[in-house]
N, C-alpha and C. Protein backbone atom coordinates (compact mmCIF):
# COMPACT_ATOMS: atom_id res chain seq x y z
N UNK A 1 0.82 -1.20 0.00
CA UNK A 1 0.00 0.00 0.00
C UNK A 1 0.85 1.26 0.00
N UNK A 2 2.11 1.16 0.45
CA UNK A 2 2.98 2.33 0.54
C UNK A 2 3.20 3.01 -0.81
N UNK A 3 3.49 2.23 -1.90
CA UNK A 3 3.66 2.91 -3.18
C UNK A 3 2.40 3.64 -3.62
N UNK A 4 1.24 3.05 -3.38
CA UNK A 4 -0.01 3.71 -3.75
C UNK A 4 -0.20 5.00 -2.96
N UNK A 5 0.15 4.94 -1.65
CA UNK A 5 0.04 6.15 -0.83
C UNK A 5 0.92 7.26 -1.38
N UNK A 6 2.15 6.91 -1.79
CA UNK A 6 3.05 7.90 -2.35
C UNK A 6 2.50 8.48 -3.65
N UNK A 7 1.92 7.60 -4.47
CA UNK A 7 1.31 8.05 -5.73
C UNK A 7 0.11 8.95 -5.43
N UNK A 8 -0.69 8.57 -4.43
CA UNK A 8 -1.83 9.40 -4.04
C UNK A 8 -1.37 10.77 -3.56
N UNK A 9 -0.30 10.79 -2.76
CA UNK A 9 0.24 12.06 -2.27
C UNK A 9 0.68 12.95 -3.43
N UNK A 10 1.31 12.34 -4.43
CA UNK A 10 1.75 13.12 -5.59
C UNK A 10 0.55 13.69 -6.35
N UNK A 11 -0.50 12.87 -6.50
CA UNK A 11 -1.70 13.34 -7.19
C UNK A 11 -2.35 14.49 -6.42
N UNK A 12 -2.39 14.34 -5.09
CA UNK A 12 -2.96 15.41 -4.25
C UNK A 12 -2.13 16.68 -4.39
N UNK A 13 -0.80 16.53 -4.34
CA UNK A 13 0.08 17.70 -4.46
C UNK A 13 -0.10 18.40 -5.80
N UNK A 14 -0.33 17.63 -6.85
CA UNK A 14 -0.55 18.23 -8.17
C UNK A 14 -1.86 19.00 -8.25
N UNK A 15 -2.82 18.67 -7.38
CA UNK A 15 -4.11 19.37 -7.37
C UNK A 15 -4.04 20.72 -6.66
N UNK A 16 -2.95 20.99 -5.97
CA UNK A 16 -2.80 22.24 -5.22
C UNK A 16 -2.29 23.32 -6.17
N UNK A 17 -2.99 24.44 -6.26
CA UNK A 17 -2.54 25.52 -7.16
C UNK A 17 -1.15 26.03 -6.80
N UNK A 18 -0.38 26.37 -7.80
CA UNK A 18 0.97 26.93 -7.59
C UNK A 18 0.93 28.45 -7.56
N UNK A 19 -0.03 29.03 -8.25
CA UNK A 19 -0.20 30.47 -8.30
C UNK A 19 -0.77 30.95 -6.95
N UNK A 20 -0.18 32.01 -6.40
CA UNK A 20 -0.59 32.51 -5.09
C UNK A 20 -2.07 32.90 -5.05
N UNK A 21 -2.55 33.59 -6.07
CA UNK A 21 -3.96 34.01 -6.08
C UNK A 21 -4.90 32.81 -6.07
N UNK A 22 -4.59 31.81 -6.89
CA UNK A 22 -5.42 30.61 -6.94
C UNK A 22 -5.31 29.81 -5.64
N UNK A 23 -4.10 29.76 -5.09
CA UNK A 23 -3.88 29.05 -3.83
C UNK A 23 -4.71 29.68 -2.71
N UNK A 24 -4.64 31.00 -2.62
CA UNK A 24 -5.36 31.71 -1.57
C UNK A 24 -6.88 31.68 -1.78
N UNK A 25 -7.32 31.46 -3.03
CA UNK A 25 -8.75 31.40 -3.33
C UNK A 25 -9.32 29.98 -3.18
N UNK A 26 -8.45 29.00 -2.97
CA UNK A 26 -8.89 27.60 -2.87
C UNK A 26 -9.85 27.45 -1.69
N UNK A 27 -10.97 26.78 -1.92
CA UNK A 27 -11.99 26.61 -0.87
C UNK A 27 -11.51 25.60 0.17
N UNK A 28 -11.47 26.04 1.42
CA UNK A 28 -11.05 25.16 2.52
C UNK A 28 -12.30 24.61 3.21
N UNK A 29 -12.33 23.31 3.39
CA UNK A 29 -13.40 22.64 4.13
C UNK A 29 -13.03 22.69 5.61
N UNK A 30 -13.37 23.80 6.26
CA UNK A 30 -12.96 24.00 7.65
C UNK A 30 -13.57 22.97 8.59
N UNK A 31 -14.76 22.47 8.28
CA UNK A 31 -15.38 21.44 9.13
C UNK A 31 -14.51 20.19 9.13
N UNK A 32 -14.00 19.80 7.96
CA UNK A 32 -13.11 18.64 7.86
C UNK A 32 -11.77 18.92 8.54
N UNK A 33 -11.22 20.11 8.31
CA UNK A 33 -9.94 20.49 8.92
C UNK A 33 -10.05 20.42 10.45
N UNK A 34 -11.14 20.96 10.99
CA UNK A 34 -11.35 20.94 12.44
C UNK A 34 -11.59 19.53 12.96
N UNK A 35 -12.42 18.76 12.26
CA UNK A 35 -12.76 17.40 12.71
C UNK A 35 -11.54 16.49 12.74
N UNK A 36 -10.62 16.68 11.82
CA UNK A 36 -9.42 15.84 11.75
C UNK A 36 -8.24 16.41 12.53
N UNK A 37 -8.41 17.58 13.14
CA UNK A 37 -7.33 18.18 13.92
C UNK A 37 -6.11 18.52 13.09
N UNK A 38 -6.33 18.90 11.85
CA UNK A 38 -5.22 19.14 10.92
C UNK A 38 -4.31 20.29 11.38
N UNK A 39 -4.90 21.34 11.93
CA UNK A 39 -4.07 22.49 12.34
C UNK A 39 -3.09 22.07 13.43
N UNK A 40 -3.57 21.45 14.49
CA UNK A 40 -2.69 21.08 15.61
C UNK A 40 -1.79 19.89 15.29
N UNK A 41 -2.35 18.88 14.62
CA UNK A 41 -1.58 17.64 14.42
C UNK A 41 -0.63 17.70 13.24
N UNK A 42 -0.99 18.41 12.19
CA UNK A 42 -0.17 18.42 10.97
C UNK A 42 0.57 19.73 10.74
N UNK A 43 -0.11 20.85 10.98
CA UNK A 43 0.51 22.14 10.66
C UNK A 43 1.37 22.70 11.78
N UNK A 44 0.95 22.56 13.03
CA UNK A 44 1.72 23.14 14.12
C UNK A 44 3.16 22.59 14.18
N UNK A 45 3.38 21.27 14.03
CA UNK A 45 4.77 20.79 14.04
C UNK A 45 5.60 21.41 12.91
N UNK A 46 5.01 21.61 11.75
CA UNK A 46 5.71 22.23 10.64
C UNK A 46 6.04 23.69 10.95
N UNK A 47 5.08 24.40 11.55
CA UNK A 47 5.29 25.80 11.92
C UNK A 47 6.45 25.89 12.91
N UNK A 48 6.46 25.02 13.91
CA UNK A 48 7.55 25.00 14.91
C UNK A 48 8.88 24.79 14.20
N UNK A 49 8.92 23.80 13.32
CA UNK A 49 10.16 23.49 12.59
C UNK A 49 10.67 24.70 11.81
N UNK A 50 9.77 25.38 11.10
CA UNK A 50 10.18 26.53 10.30
C UNK A 50 10.67 27.69 11.17
N UNK A 51 9.98 27.94 12.28
CA UNK A 51 10.40 29.03 13.18
C UNK A 51 11.78 28.72 13.76
N UNK A 52 12.01 27.47 14.16
CA UNK A 52 13.31 27.08 14.71
C UNK A 52 14.39 27.21 13.64
N UNK A 53 14.11 26.79 12.40
CA UNK A 53 15.08 26.92 11.32
C UNK A 53 15.46 28.38 11.08
N UNK A 54 14.49 29.26 11.09
CA UNK A 54 14.76 30.68 10.86
C UNK A 54 15.59 31.24 12.02
N UNK A 55 15.24 30.87 13.26
CA UNK A 55 16.01 31.34 14.41
C UNK A 55 17.45 30.87 14.33
N UNK A 56 17.64 29.59 14.00
CA UNK A 56 19.00 29.06 13.90
C UNK A 56 19.78 29.75 12.79
N UNK A 57 19.13 30.01 11.67
CA UNK A 57 19.78 30.70 10.56
C UNK A 57 20.18 32.11 10.97
N UNK A 58 19.30 32.81 11.67
CA UNK A 58 19.58 34.18 12.12
C UNK A 58 20.71 34.17 13.15
N UNK A 59 20.70 33.19 14.03
CA UNK A 59 21.75 33.09 15.05
C UNK A 59 23.10 32.84 14.39
N UNK A 60 23.13 31.92 13.43
CA UNK A 60 24.40 31.62 12.74
C UNK A 60 24.93 32.85 12.03
N UNK A 61 24.06 33.65 11.46
CA UNK A 61 24.50 34.84 10.72
C UNK A 61 25.13 35.87 11.65
N UNK A 62 24.73 35.89 12.93
CA UNK A 62 25.25 36.89 13.88
C UNK A 62 26.50 36.42 14.61
N UNK A 63 26.76 35.12 14.61
CA UNK A 63 27.87 34.60 15.40
C UNK A 63 29.18 34.64 14.60
N UNK A 64 30.30 34.84 15.32
CA UNK A 64 31.59 34.78 14.64
C UNK A 64 31.83 33.36 14.10
N UNK A 65 32.66 33.24 13.08
CA UNK A 65 32.92 31.97 12.42
C UNK A 65 33.39 30.90 13.41
N UNK A 66 34.28 31.23 14.33
CA UNK A 66 34.79 30.25 15.29
C UNK A 66 33.67 29.70 16.16
N UNK A 67 32.77 30.57 16.61
CA UNK A 67 31.64 30.15 17.43
C UNK A 67 30.73 29.23 16.64
N UNK A 68 30.50 29.56 15.36
CA UNK A 68 29.66 28.71 14.51
C UNK A 68 30.29 27.34 14.34
N UNK A 69 31.62 27.30 14.14
CA UNK A 69 32.31 26.01 13.96
C UNK A 69 32.20 25.17 15.23
N UNK A 70 32.37 25.81 16.39
CA UNK A 70 32.24 25.08 17.65
C UNK A 70 30.82 24.57 17.84
N UNK A 71 29.84 25.40 17.52
CA UNK A 71 28.44 24.99 17.66
C UNK A 71 28.12 23.84 16.70
N UNK A 72 28.66 23.88 15.50
CA UNK A 72 28.42 22.80 14.54
C UNK A 72 29.03 21.50 15.04
N UNK A 73 30.22 21.58 15.64
CA UNK A 73 30.87 20.39 16.19
C UNK A 73 30.03 19.80 17.32
N UNK A 74 29.57 20.64 18.25
CA UNK A 74 28.74 20.18 19.36
C UNK A 74 27.44 19.59 18.84
N UNK A 75 26.82 20.25 17.87
CA UNK A 75 25.55 19.77 17.33
C UNK A 75 25.71 18.41 16.66
N UNK A 76 26.86 18.20 16.05
CA UNK A 76 27.09 16.92 15.36
C UNK A 76 27.19 15.76 16.34
N UNK A 77 27.72 16.01 17.53
CA UNK A 77 27.96 14.93 18.47
C UNK A 77 27.04 14.94 19.67
N UNK A 78 26.02 15.76 19.65
CA UNK A 78 25.05 15.76 20.74
C UNK A 78 23.65 15.62 20.15
N UNK A 79 22.72 15.11 20.95
CA UNK A 79 21.36 14.95 20.41
C UNK A 79 20.77 16.29 20.01
N UNK A 80 20.00 16.28 18.94
CA UNK A 80 19.38 17.51 18.44
C UNK A 80 18.19 17.86 19.31
N UNK A 81 18.20 19.06 19.80
CA UNK A 81 17.08 19.55 20.61
C UNK A 81 16.63 20.87 20.03
N UNK A 82 15.32 21.09 20.11
CA UNK A 82 14.77 22.35 19.64
C UNK A 82 14.31 23.14 20.85
N UNK A 83 15.02 24.21 21.15
CA UNK A 83 14.64 25.06 22.26
C UNK A 83 13.91 26.27 21.72
N UNK A 84 12.75 26.52 22.27
CA UNK A 84 11.96 27.66 21.83
C UNK A 84 11.95 28.72 22.92
N UNK A 85 12.25 29.95 22.51
CA UNK A 85 12.14 31.07 23.43
C UNK A 85 10.69 31.53 23.51
N UNK A 86 10.44 32.46 24.39
CA UNK A 86 9.07 32.94 24.59
C UNK A 86 8.51 33.61 23.34
N UNK A 87 9.36 34.37 22.61
CA UNK A 87 8.88 35.03 21.40
C UNK A 87 8.49 34.03 20.33
N UNK A 88 9.27 32.93 20.21
CA UNK A 88 8.92 31.91 19.21
C UNK A 88 7.60 31.24 19.59
N UNK A 89 7.44 30.90 20.86
CA UNK A 89 6.20 30.26 21.30
C UNK A 89 5.00 31.16 21.04
N UNK A 90 5.18 32.43 21.31
CA UNK A 90 4.09 33.39 21.09
C UNK A 90 3.74 33.47 19.61
N UNK A 91 4.74 33.51 18.76
CA UNK A 91 4.50 33.58 17.32
C UNK A 91 3.80 32.31 16.83
N UNK A 92 4.24 31.16 17.29
CA UNK A 92 3.62 29.89 16.90
C UNK A 92 2.16 29.87 17.34
N UNK A 93 1.92 30.24 18.60
CA UNK A 93 0.54 30.27 19.11
C UNK A 93 -0.32 31.25 18.31
N UNK A 94 0.26 32.37 17.93
CA UNK A 94 -0.46 33.38 17.14
C UNK A 94 -0.89 32.78 15.79
N UNK A 95 0.03 32.14 15.09
CA UNK A 95 -0.26 31.57 13.78
C UNK A 95 -1.30 30.46 13.89
N UNK A 96 -1.12 29.57 14.87
CA UNK A 96 -2.06 28.45 15.06
C UNK A 96 -3.45 28.98 15.40
N UNK A 97 -3.51 29.98 16.27
CA UNK A 97 -4.83 30.51 16.66
C UNK A 97 -5.54 31.15 15.48
N UNK A 98 -4.80 31.82 14.61
CA UNK A 98 -5.42 32.43 13.43
C UNK A 98 -5.96 31.35 12.48
N UNK A 99 -5.24 30.25 12.34
CA UNK A 99 -5.73 29.14 11.52
C UNK A 99 -6.98 28.52 12.15
N UNK A 100 -6.95 28.37 13.47
CA UNK A 100 -8.12 27.80 14.15
C UNK A 100 -9.34 28.71 14.09
N UNK A 101 -9.10 30.00 13.86
CA UNK A 101 -10.20 30.96 13.69
C UNK A 101 -10.66 31.02 12.23
N UNK A 102 -10.06 30.17 11.38
CA UNK A 102 -10.40 30.09 9.96
C UNK A 102 -10.10 31.39 9.22
N UNK A 103 -9.03 32.05 9.61
CA UNK A 103 -8.64 33.30 8.98
C UNK A 103 -8.22 33.03 7.53
N UNK A 104 -8.54 33.95 6.66
CA UNK A 104 -8.14 33.81 5.25
C UNK A 104 -6.62 33.95 5.15
N UNK A 105 -6.02 33.36 4.12
CA UNK A 105 -4.56 33.47 3.99
C UNK A 105 -4.08 34.90 3.78
N UNK A 106 -4.86 35.70 3.06
CA UNK A 106 -4.46 37.10 2.83
C UNK A 106 -4.46 37.88 4.15
N UNK A 107 -5.47 37.66 4.97
CA UNK A 107 -5.55 38.35 6.27
C UNK A 107 -4.44 37.84 7.19
N UNK A 108 -4.17 36.53 7.18
CA UNK A 108 -3.09 35.97 7.98
C UNK A 108 -1.76 36.59 7.57
N UNK A 109 -1.54 36.73 6.29
CA UNK A 109 -0.31 37.34 5.79
C UNK A 109 -0.18 38.78 6.27
N UNK A 110 -1.26 39.55 6.17
CA UNK A 110 -1.23 40.94 6.64
C UNK A 110 -0.91 41.02 8.13
N UNK A 111 -1.57 40.19 8.93
CA UNK A 111 -1.34 40.23 10.38
C UNK A 111 0.05 39.74 10.74
N UNK A 112 0.54 38.72 10.03
CA UNK A 112 1.89 38.22 10.30
C UNK A 112 2.93 39.28 9.99
N UNK A 113 2.75 40.00 8.90
CA UNK A 113 3.68 41.09 8.57
C UNK A 113 3.71 42.14 9.68
N UNK A 114 2.53 42.53 10.18
CA UNK A 114 2.46 43.52 11.26
C UNK A 114 3.17 43.04 12.52
N UNK A 115 2.92 41.80 12.90
CA UNK A 115 3.54 41.24 14.10
C UNK A 115 5.05 41.22 13.95
N UNK A 116 5.54 40.79 12.79
CA UNK A 116 6.99 40.70 12.59
C UNK A 116 7.64 42.08 12.57
N UNK A 117 6.97 43.05 11.95
CA UNK A 117 7.52 44.41 11.93
C UNK A 117 7.59 44.99 13.34
N UNK A 118 6.54 44.77 14.15
CA UNK A 118 6.54 45.26 15.53
C UNK A 118 7.63 44.58 16.35
N UNK A 119 7.81 43.27 16.17
CA UNK A 119 8.84 42.54 16.92
C UNK A 119 10.23 43.05 16.57
N UNK A 120 10.48 43.30 15.31
CA UNK A 120 11.79 43.80 14.90
C UNK A 120 12.03 45.21 15.44
N UNK A 121 11.00 46.02 15.45
CA UNK A 121 11.13 47.38 16.00
C UNK A 121 11.44 47.33 17.49
N UNK A 122 10.76 46.45 18.24
CA UNK A 122 11.04 46.31 19.68
C UNK A 122 12.48 45.85 19.91
N UNK A 123 12.94 44.89 19.10
CA UNK A 123 14.31 44.39 19.25
C UNK A 123 15.32 45.49 18.97
N UNK A 124 15.07 46.28 17.93
CA UNK A 124 15.99 47.37 17.59
C UNK A 124 16.01 48.42 18.69
N UNK A 125 14.85 48.78 19.26
CA UNK A 125 14.79 49.75 20.36
C UNK A 125 15.50 49.22 21.60
N UNK A 126 15.33 47.93 21.87
CA UNK A 126 15.99 47.32 23.02
C UNK A 126 17.51 47.37 22.86
N UNK A 127 17.99 47.03 21.67
CA UNK A 127 19.43 47.08 21.40
C UNK A 127 19.95 48.51 21.49
N UNK A 128 19.18 49.46 20.99
CA UNK A 128 19.59 50.86 21.04
C UNK A 128 19.65 51.35 22.47
N UNK A 129 18.68 50.98 23.29
CA UNK A 129 18.69 51.44 24.69
C UNK A 129 19.88 50.83 25.45
N UNK A 130 20.24 49.58 25.14
CA UNK A 130 21.43 48.98 25.77
C UNK A 130 22.69 49.70 25.31
N UNK A 131 22.71 50.09 24.05
CA UNK A 131 23.86 50.78 23.49
C UNK A 131 24.05 52.15 24.14
N UNK A 132 22.93 52.84 24.41
CA UNK A 132 23.00 54.18 24.98
C UNK A 132 23.18 54.19 26.50
N UNK A 133 23.00 53.04 27.14
CA UNK A 133 23.12 52.96 28.60
C UNK A 133 24.57 53.18 29.01
N UNK A 134 24.79 53.75 30.24
CA UNK A 134 26.17 53.92 30.73
C UNK A 134 26.88 52.57 30.78
N UNK A 135 28.14 52.57 30.34
CA UNK A 135 28.93 51.35 30.35
C UNK A 135 28.56 50.40 29.23
N UNK A 136 27.88 50.92 28.23
CA UNK A 136 27.46 50.07 27.12
C UNK A 136 28.65 49.71 26.24
N UNK A 137 28.49 48.69 25.41
CA UNK A 137 29.58 48.31 24.51
C UNK A 137 29.88 49.41 23.50
N UNK A 138 30.95 49.23 22.79
CA UNK A 138 31.39 50.21 21.80
C UNK A 138 30.40 50.29 20.64
N UNK A 139 30.52 51.33 19.81
CA UNK A 139 29.61 51.46 18.68
C UNK A 139 29.63 50.28 17.72
N UNK A 140 30.62 49.41 17.84
CA UNK A 140 30.65 48.26 16.94
C UNK A 140 29.56 47.25 17.27
N UNK A 141 28.92 47.40 18.46
CA UNK A 141 27.81 46.50 18.80
C UNK A 141 26.68 46.76 17.82
N UNK A 142 26.14 45.69 17.28
CA UNK A 142 25.14 45.84 16.22
C UNK A 142 23.75 46.08 16.80
N UNK A 143 23.11 47.16 16.36
CA UNK A 143 21.73 47.42 16.73
C UNK A 143 20.87 46.45 15.95
N UNK A 144 19.94 45.83 16.65
CA UNK A 144 19.06 44.87 15.99
C UNK A 144 19.59 43.45 16.02
N UNK A 145 20.71 43.22 16.70
CA UNK A 145 21.28 41.88 16.76
C UNK A 145 20.37 40.93 17.52
N UNK A 146 19.46 41.45 18.31
CA UNK A 146 18.56 40.60 19.08
C UNK A 146 17.20 40.46 18.39
N UNK A 147 17.18 40.60 17.09
CA UNK A 147 15.91 40.48 16.37
C UNK A 147 15.29 39.12 16.65
N UNK A 148 13.98 39.06 16.80
CA UNK A 148 13.33 37.81 17.15
C UNK A 148 13.48 36.76 16.06
N UNK A 149 13.39 35.50 16.48
CA UNK A 149 13.52 34.40 15.54
C UNK A 149 12.18 34.14 14.88
N UNK A 150 11.84 34.97 13.95
CA UNK A 150 10.59 34.85 13.22
C UNK A 150 10.90 34.98 11.75
N UNK A 151 10.04 34.45 10.91
CA UNK A 151 10.32 34.61 9.49
C UNK A 151 10.42 36.09 9.14
N UNK A 152 11.48 36.51 8.44
CA UNK A 152 11.57 37.92 8.05
C UNK A 152 10.33 38.32 7.26
N UNK A 153 9.97 39.60 7.38
CA UNK A 153 8.73 40.04 6.73
C UNK A 153 8.75 39.77 5.23
N UNK A 154 9.92 39.87 4.57
CA UNK A 154 9.95 39.59 3.14
C UNK A 154 9.72 38.11 2.86
N UNK A 155 9.94 37.24 3.84
CA UNK A 155 9.69 35.81 3.69
C UNK A 155 8.28 35.42 4.14
N UNK A 156 7.54 36.36 4.68
CA UNK A 156 6.19 36.05 5.17
C UNK A 156 5.30 35.54 4.05
N UNK A 157 5.43 36.11 2.85
CA UNK A 157 4.63 35.65 1.71
C UNK A 157 4.90 34.17 1.42
N UNK A 158 6.17 33.81 1.37
CA UNK A 158 6.55 32.43 1.08
C UNK A 158 6.07 31.52 2.21
N UNK A 159 6.26 31.95 3.45
CA UNK A 159 5.85 31.15 4.60
C UNK A 159 4.35 30.88 4.57
N UNK A 160 3.54 31.91 4.37
CA UNK A 160 2.08 31.74 4.37
C UNK A 160 1.64 30.91 3.16
N UNK A 161 2.26 31.11 2.01
CA UNK A 161 1.90 30.31 0.83
C UNK A 161 2.19 28.84 1.07
N UNK A 162 3.35 28.52 1.64
CA UNK A 162 3.68 27.12 1.94
C UNK A 162 2.74 26.56 3.00
N UNK A 163 2.46 27.35 4.01
CA UNK A 163 1.53 26.93 5.07
C UNK A 163 0.15 26.64 4.49
N UNK A 164 -0.31 27.53 3.62
CA UNK A 164 -1.64 27.34 3.03
C UNK A 164 -1.66 26.13 2.11
N UNK A 165 -0.58 25.93 1.38
CA UNK A 165 -0.47 24.74 0.53
C UNK A 165 -0.52 23.46 1.36
N UNK A 166 0.15 23.47 2.51
CA UNK A 166 0.12 22.30 3.40
C UNK A 166 -1.28 22.08 3.96
N UNK A 167 -1.95 23.17 4.33
CA UNK A 167 -3.32 23.06 4.83
C UNK A 167 -4.21 22.39 3.78
N UNK A 168 -4.10 22.84 2.55
CA UNK A 168 -4.90 22.28 1.46
C UNK A 168 -4.53 20.82 1.22
N UNK A 169 -3.23 20.52 1.22
CA UNK A 169 -2.78 19.14 1.01
C UNK A 169 -3.39 18.20 2.05
N UNK A 170 -3.27 18.56 3.32
CA UNK A 170 -3.79 17.68 4.38
C UNK A 170 -5.31 17.60 4.35
N UNK A 171 -5.97 18.68 3.97
CA UNK A 171 -7.43 18.66 3.84
C UNK A 171 -7.84 17.69 2.72
N UNK A 172 -7.17 17.81 1.55
CA UNK A 172 -7.50 16.93 0.43
C UNK A 172 -7.17 15.47 0.75
N UNK A 173 -6.07 15.26 1.46
CA UNK A 173 -5.69 13.90 1.84
C UNK A 173 -6.74 13.31 2.80
N UNK A 174 -7.22 14.12 3.75
CA UNK A 174 -8.25 13.66 4.69
C UNK A 174 -9.54 13.38 3.93
N UNK A 175 -9.86 14.20 2.96
CA UNK A 175 -11.08 14.01 2.17
C UNK A 175 -11.02 12.72 1.36
N UNK A 176 -9.82 12.39 0.86
CA UNK A 176 -9.65 11.19 0.04
C UNK A 176 -9.64 9.91 0.88
N UNK A 177 -9.37 10.04 2.17
CA UNK A 177 -9.27 8.85 3.04
C UNK A 177 -10.63 8.23 3.33
């Protein structure tokens, strides 16, 4: 049955629109999505994974090369763990709650952009206030280095499109079962 399942998955994936407008206009059977727990069981783990990947990528970009090499060595020989900070948990809960409220993808994208812009502004203000405080580091300290581990606003379109495609895929798969 495994090969048939793989073939079925490919057929389902081919039924998902590639164009953003068509993807966002695709009719979602929210009763089926809710009944099968698709948001919590299928989408939330993916959202967590993507947020962690973005945080790790942002962290690597800010760290000196030697620190990155040491971290890569430790990661290779220690079990992989995903640690989520409070901002990541809040962002994940925000996205999941909007899906559970049956928010349209366009509205989700707009709200996600606002949240990310506000988070980046708070991080930049926090870094600036530390910089201006007595005994602060030299001007070489980067303002905004503490930006939250969230998808950058320019990536929000891609993130929401992939998320919506996954929602449709799991809905169609549940419908076919």
